[in-house]
Amino acid sequence: MMRDLSGLLQLPLLTLATLAGQLALTPALAEGHEELTTYEYYVNRCQKGSDREAVVACEKALALRPDDVSTWTNLGVRLGNLGDYEAALAAHNRALRLRPRYALALLNRCADQIALGRWIEAVSSCESALEGDGRWGELSAAIAWYNLGLAQQGLDRYGESREALMQAIALDPEQAAAWNRLGYAWERLGDYDEALEAYRRAVELAPTRSSYREDLNLVQRRLQF
């Protein structure tokens, strides 16, 4: 995150000189400026660095500003990417203590709970995300519905999973993974014709995913008997 210096650059030279003199006479202001620049550097690396680099940067940013909700959330995402789901959950929970209805943190917590096989907790987190503040960042409610569908399948609740996945598809019809998991829900519910159509759509959207084609072929063979 680069600082916006456009307003400062538009000041007349006399004003700039005066401002420089004032800063030279006030060390506390200079120290505050340096701390802000350091903090913004760490936030930038937290957002844009590799996962391991980002974890270090996020933690350094949070040491300076422990109430930064977005950075706690970013830390959780990076830890999850590294497979440290317990630490990721702790980071998301810290964000949620600061902003309890933060949809993005709730959605990411749901994903980490799915990764850990904590299906009931994941269902609760995803449902809370859908009832949250609507701040999804780069994600969306469609992904929350999709994750909810996955969590319901972990509990063998295929009817509920089907409904959640249909909601995901209604919001994002191009989400191949949702079509594939919808096919699986229909298959477990015994409706192979619907499963076939859902699997076929997943293959159309993601033709290079071999697992999607295998699911489609399996249902096609079942329908031949």
Protein backbone atom coordinates (compact mmCIF):
# COMPACT_ATOMS: atom_id res chain seq x y z
CA MET A 1 0.00 0.00 0.00
CA MET A 2 1.75 3.13 -1.22
CA ARG A 3 1.15 6.44 0.51
CA ASP A 4 -0.89 8.99 -1.42
CA LEU A 5 1.44 11.99 -1.75
CA SER A 6 -0.53 13.79 -4.44
CA GLY A 7 -1.94 16.42 -2.10
CA LEU A 8 1.49 17.19 -0.63
CA LEU A 9 3.13 17.52 -4.06
CA GLN A 10 0.57 20.14 -5.05
CA LEU A 11 1.58 22.48 -2.20
CA PRO A 12 3.59 25.59 -3.20
CA LEU A 13 7.34 25.42 -2.56
CA LEU A 14 7.14 27.98 0.22
CA THR A 15 4.62 25.85 2.05
CA LEU A 16 6.80 22.79 1.61
CA ALA A 17 9.80 24.61 3.06
CA THR A 18 7.77 25.82 6.00
CA LEU A 19 6.43 22.34 6.61
CA ALA A 20 9.94 20.87 6.47
CA GLY A 21 11.11 23.37 9.05
CA GLN A 22 8.23 22.52 11.36
CA LEU A 23 8.99 18.80 11.10
CA ALA A 24 12.65 19.42 11.86
CA LEU A 25 11.64 21.19 15.06
CA THR A 26 9.21 18.47 16.22
CA PRO A 27 10.96 15.08 16.64
CA ALA A 28 7.75 13.46 17.92
CA LEU A 29 6.03 14.19 14.62
CA ALA A 30 9.00 12.82 12.70
CA GLU A 31 8.91 9.63 14.76
CA GLY A 32 5.19 9.27 14.14
CA HIS A 33 5.72 9.70 10.41
CA GLU A 34 8.47 7.07 10.44
CA GLU A 35 6.26 4.63 12.33
CA LEU A 36 3.42 5.18 9.85
CA THR A 37 5.74 4.55 6.91
CA THR A 38 7.07 1.37 8.55
CA TYR A 39 3.55 0.15 9.32
CA GLU A 40 2.38 0.76 5.75
CA TYR A 41 5.43 -1.09 4.42
CA TYR A 42 4.55 -4.15 6.52
CA VAL A 43 0.90 -3.99 5.47
CA ASN A 44 2.00 -3.88 1.83
CA ARG A 45 4.20 -6.97 2.28
CA CYS A 46 1.41 -8.67 4.23
CA GLN A 47 -0.86 -8.21 1.23
CA LYS A 48 1.59 -8.82 -1.62
CA GLY A 49 4.46 -10.96 -0.36
CA SER A 50 4.81 -14.72 -0.57
CA ASP A 51 2.89 -16.57 2.14
CA ARG A 52 5.84 -17.03 4.52
CA GLU A 53 7.10 -13.50 3.99
CA ALA A 54 3.56 -12.18 4.40
CA VAL A 55 3.06 -13.93 7.75
CA VAL A 56 6.14 -12.19 9.16
CA ALA A 57 5.05 -8.84 7.72
CA CYS A 58 1.48 -9.19 9.01
CA GLU A 59 2.76 -9.96 12.50
CA LYS A 60 5.08 -6.93 12.45
CA ALA A 61 2.24 -4.69 11.27
CA LEU A 62 0.01 -6.01 14.05
CA ALA A 63 2.72 -5.38 16.63
CA LEU A 64 2.39 -1.71 15.67
CA ARG A 65 -1.40 -1.70 15.32
CA PRO A 66 -3.02 -4.67 17.06
CA ASP A 67 -6.56 -3.49 16.27
CA ASP A 68 -6.14 -3.72 12.47
CA VAL A 69 -9.00 -6.04 11.50
CA SER A 70 -7.98 -6.40 7.86
CA THR A 71 -4.43 -7.40 8.74
CA TRP A 72 -5.63 -10.04 11.22
CA THR A 73 -7.80 -11.42 8.41
CA ASN A 74 -4.92 -11.36 5.93
CA LEU A 75 -2.71 -13.13 8.46
CA GLY A 76 -5.35 -15.83 8.82
CA VAL A 77 -5.52 -16.31 5.05
CA ARG A 78 -1.73 -16.61 4.74
CA LEU A 79 -1.52 -19.09 7.62
CA GLY A 80 -4.31 -21.13 6.03
CA ASN A 81 -2.43 -21.14 2.72
CA LEU A 82 0.53 -22.63 4.60
CA GLY A 83 -1.67 -25.33 6.14
CA ASP A 84 -1.47 -23.96 9.70
CA TYR A 85 -5.23 -23.98 10.15
CA GLU A 86 -5.24 -23.70 13.94
CA ALA A 87 -3.16 -20.53 13.83
CA ALA A 88 -5.33 -19.27 10.97
CA LEU A 89 -8.44 -19.77 13.09
CA ALA A 90 -6.85 -17.86 15.95
CA ALA A 91 -6.15 -14.93 13.61
CA HIS A 92 -9.68 -14.91 12.21
CA ASN A 93 -11.12 -15.12 15.71
CA ARG A 94 -9.02 -12.11 16.72
CA ALA A 95 -10.45 -10.18 13.76
CA LEU A 96 -13.94 -11.23 14.78
CA ARG A 97 -13.47 -10.02 18.35
CA LEU A 98 -12.83 -6.61 16.82
CA ARG A 99 -15.60 -6.82 14.22
CA PRO A 100 -18.03 -9.65 15.13
CA ARG A 101 -20.11 -9.55 11.94
CA TYR A 102 -17.20 -9.30 9.49
CA ALA A 103 -18.37 -11.51 6.61
CA LEU A 104 -14.93 -12.09 5.10
CA ALA A 105 -13.37 -13.27 8.37
CA LEU A 106 -16.36 -15.54 9.04
CA LEU A 107 -16.11 -17.02 5.54
CA ASN A 108 -12.37 -17.66 5.89
CA ARG A 109 -12.94 -19.22 9.31
CA CYS A 110 -15.52 -21.50 7.72
CA ALA A 111 -12.98 -22.59 5.07
CA ASP A 112 -10.35 -23.42 7.70
CA GLN A 113 -12.87 -25.37 9.76
CA ILE A 114 -13.77 -27.37 6.64
CA ALA A 115 -10.08 -28.11 6.12
CA LEU A 116 -9.95 -29.44 9.70
CA GLY A 117 -13.14 -31.49 9.26
CA ARG A 118 -15.03 -29.46 11.85
CA TRP A 119 -18.26 -29.59 9.91
CA ILE A 120 -20.70 -28.32 12.53
CA GLU A 121 -18.50 -25.34 13.36
CA ALA A 122 -18.04 -24.67 9.64
CA VAL A 123 -21.80 -24.64 9.06
CA SER A 124 -22.21 -22.12 11.87
CA SER A 125 -19.42 -19.88 10.53
CA CYS A 126 -20.72 -19.90 6.96
CA GLU A 127 -24.27 -19.18 8.09
CA SER A 128 -22.96 -16.32 10.22
CA ALA A 129 -21.01 -15.00 7.23
CA LEU A 130 -24.18 -14.94 5.14
CA GLU A 131 -25.91 -13.01 7.93
CA GLY A 132 -22.91 -10.72 8.42
CA ASP A 133 -22.01 -7.21 7.35
CA GLY A 134 -21.66 -7.92 3.62
CA ARG A 135 -17.94 -7.05 3.55
CA TRP A 136 -16.61 -9.84 1.35
CA GLY A 137 -13.39 -8.27 0.09
CA GLU A 138 -12.44 -10.06 -3.12
CA LEU A 139 -14.73 -12.99 -2.28
CA SER A 140 -18.53 -13.14 -2.41
CA ALA A 141 -21.67 -14.58 -0.88
CA ALA A 142 -21.57 -17.23 -3.63
CA ILE A 143 -18.41 -18.69 -2.07
CA ALA A 144 -20.02 -18.67 1.37
CA TRP A 145 -22.96 -20.66 0.00
CA TYR A 146 -20.53 -23.05 -1.71
CA ASN A 147 -18.55 -23.60 1.49
CA LEU A 148 -21.79 -24.10 3.39
CA GLY A 149 -22.73 -26.78 0.85
CA LEU A 150 -19.38 -28.51 1.41
CA ALA A 151 -19.80 -28.43 5.18
CA GLN A 152 -23.30 -29.90 4.91
CA GLN A 153 -21.92 -32.75 2.79
CA GLY A 154 -19.39 -33.44 5.53
CA LEU A 155 -22.40 -34.05 7.80
CA ASP A 156 -24.20 -36.19 5.17
CA ARG A 157 -26.90 -33.53 4.90
CA TYR A 158 -27.31 -33.78 1.16
CA GLY A 159 -30.67 -32.04 0.93
CA GLU A 160 -29.33 -29.00 2.77
CA SER A 161 -26.14 -29.16 0.73
CA ARG A 162 -28.12 -29.16 -2.50
CA GLU A 163 -30.04 -26.06 -1.46
CA ALA A 164 -26.87 -24.19 -0.46
CA LEU A 165 -25.11 -25.11 -3.71
CA MET A 166 -28.09 -24.00 -5.75
CA GLN A 167 -27.90 -20.65 -3.99
CA ALA A 168 -24.19 -20.44 -4.87
CA ILE A 169 -24.95 -21.18 -8.51
CA ALA A 170 -27.79 -18.65 -8.60
CA LEU A 171 -25.26 -15.99 -7.58
CA ASP A 172 -22.41 -17.29 -9.76
CA PRO A 173 -23.53 -19.67 -12.54
CA GLU A 174 -19.94 -20.01 -13.78
CA GLN A 175 -18.66 -21.61 -10.57
CA ALA A 176 -17.62 -25.07 -11.81
CA ALA A 177 -16.83 -26.41 -8.33
CA ALA A 178 -20.37 -25.65 -7.16
CA TRP A 179 -21.85 -27.53 -10.12
CA ASN A 180 -19.62 -30.51 -9.38
CA ARG A 181 -20.58 -30.66 -5.71
CA LEU A 182 -24.22 -30.17 -6.65
CA GLY A 183 -23.88 -33.22 -8.88
CA TYR A 184 -22.55 -35.17 -5.93
CA ALA A 185 -25.45 -34.02 -3.73
CA TRP A 186 -27.97 -35.12 -6.37
CA GLU A 187 -26.13 -38.44 -6.73
CA ARG A 188 -26.28 -39.14 -3.00
CA LEU A 189 -29.96 -38.23 -3.04
CA GLY A 190 -30.48 -40.87 -5.75
CA ASP A 191 -31.41 -38.53 -8.60
CA TYR A 192 -28.90 -39.56 -11.25
CA ASP A 193 -30.48 -37.57 -14.07
CA GLU A 194 -30.02 -34.33 -12.14
CA ALA A 195 -26.55 -35.44 -11.09
CA LEU A 196 -25.66 -36.05 -14.74
CA GLU A 197 -26.72 -32.55 -15.76
CA ALA A 198 -24.81 -30.92 -12.90
CA TYR A 199 -21.65 -32.93 -13.59
CA ARG A 200 -21.92 -32.16 -17.29
CA ARG A 201 -22.13 -28.44 -16.55
CA ALA A 202 -19.06 -28.66 -14.31
CA VAL A 203 -17.09 -30.31 -17.13
CA GLU A 204 -18.24 -27.66 -19.61
CA LEU A 205 -16.97 -24.91 -17.30
CA ALA A 206 -13.71 -26.65 -16.33
CA PRO A 207 -12.86 -29.14 -19.11
CA THR A 208 -9.31 -29.71 -17.86
CA ARG A 209 -10.38 -30.94 -14.41
CA SER A 210 -10.04 -34.71 -14.72
CA SER A 211 -11.91 -35.38 -11.46
CA TYR A 212 -15.00 -33.62 -12.80
CA ARG A 213 -14.96 -35.77 -15.94
CA GLU A 214 -14.51 -38.92 -13.85
CA ASP A 215 -17.60 -38.02 -11.80
CA LEU A 216 -19.56 -37.47 -15.01
CA ASN A 217 -18.40 -40.77 -16.52
CA LEU A 218 -19.33 -42.67 -13.36
CA VAL A 219 -22.92 -41.39 -13.39
CA GLN A 220 -23.22 -42.06 -17.12
CA ARG A 221 -22.22 -45.69 -16.53
CA ARG A 222 -24.76 -46.02 -13.73
CA LEU A 223 -27.53 -44.72 -15.97
CA GLN A 224 -26.69 -47.37 -18.58
CA PHE A 225 -27.75 -50.15 -16.23
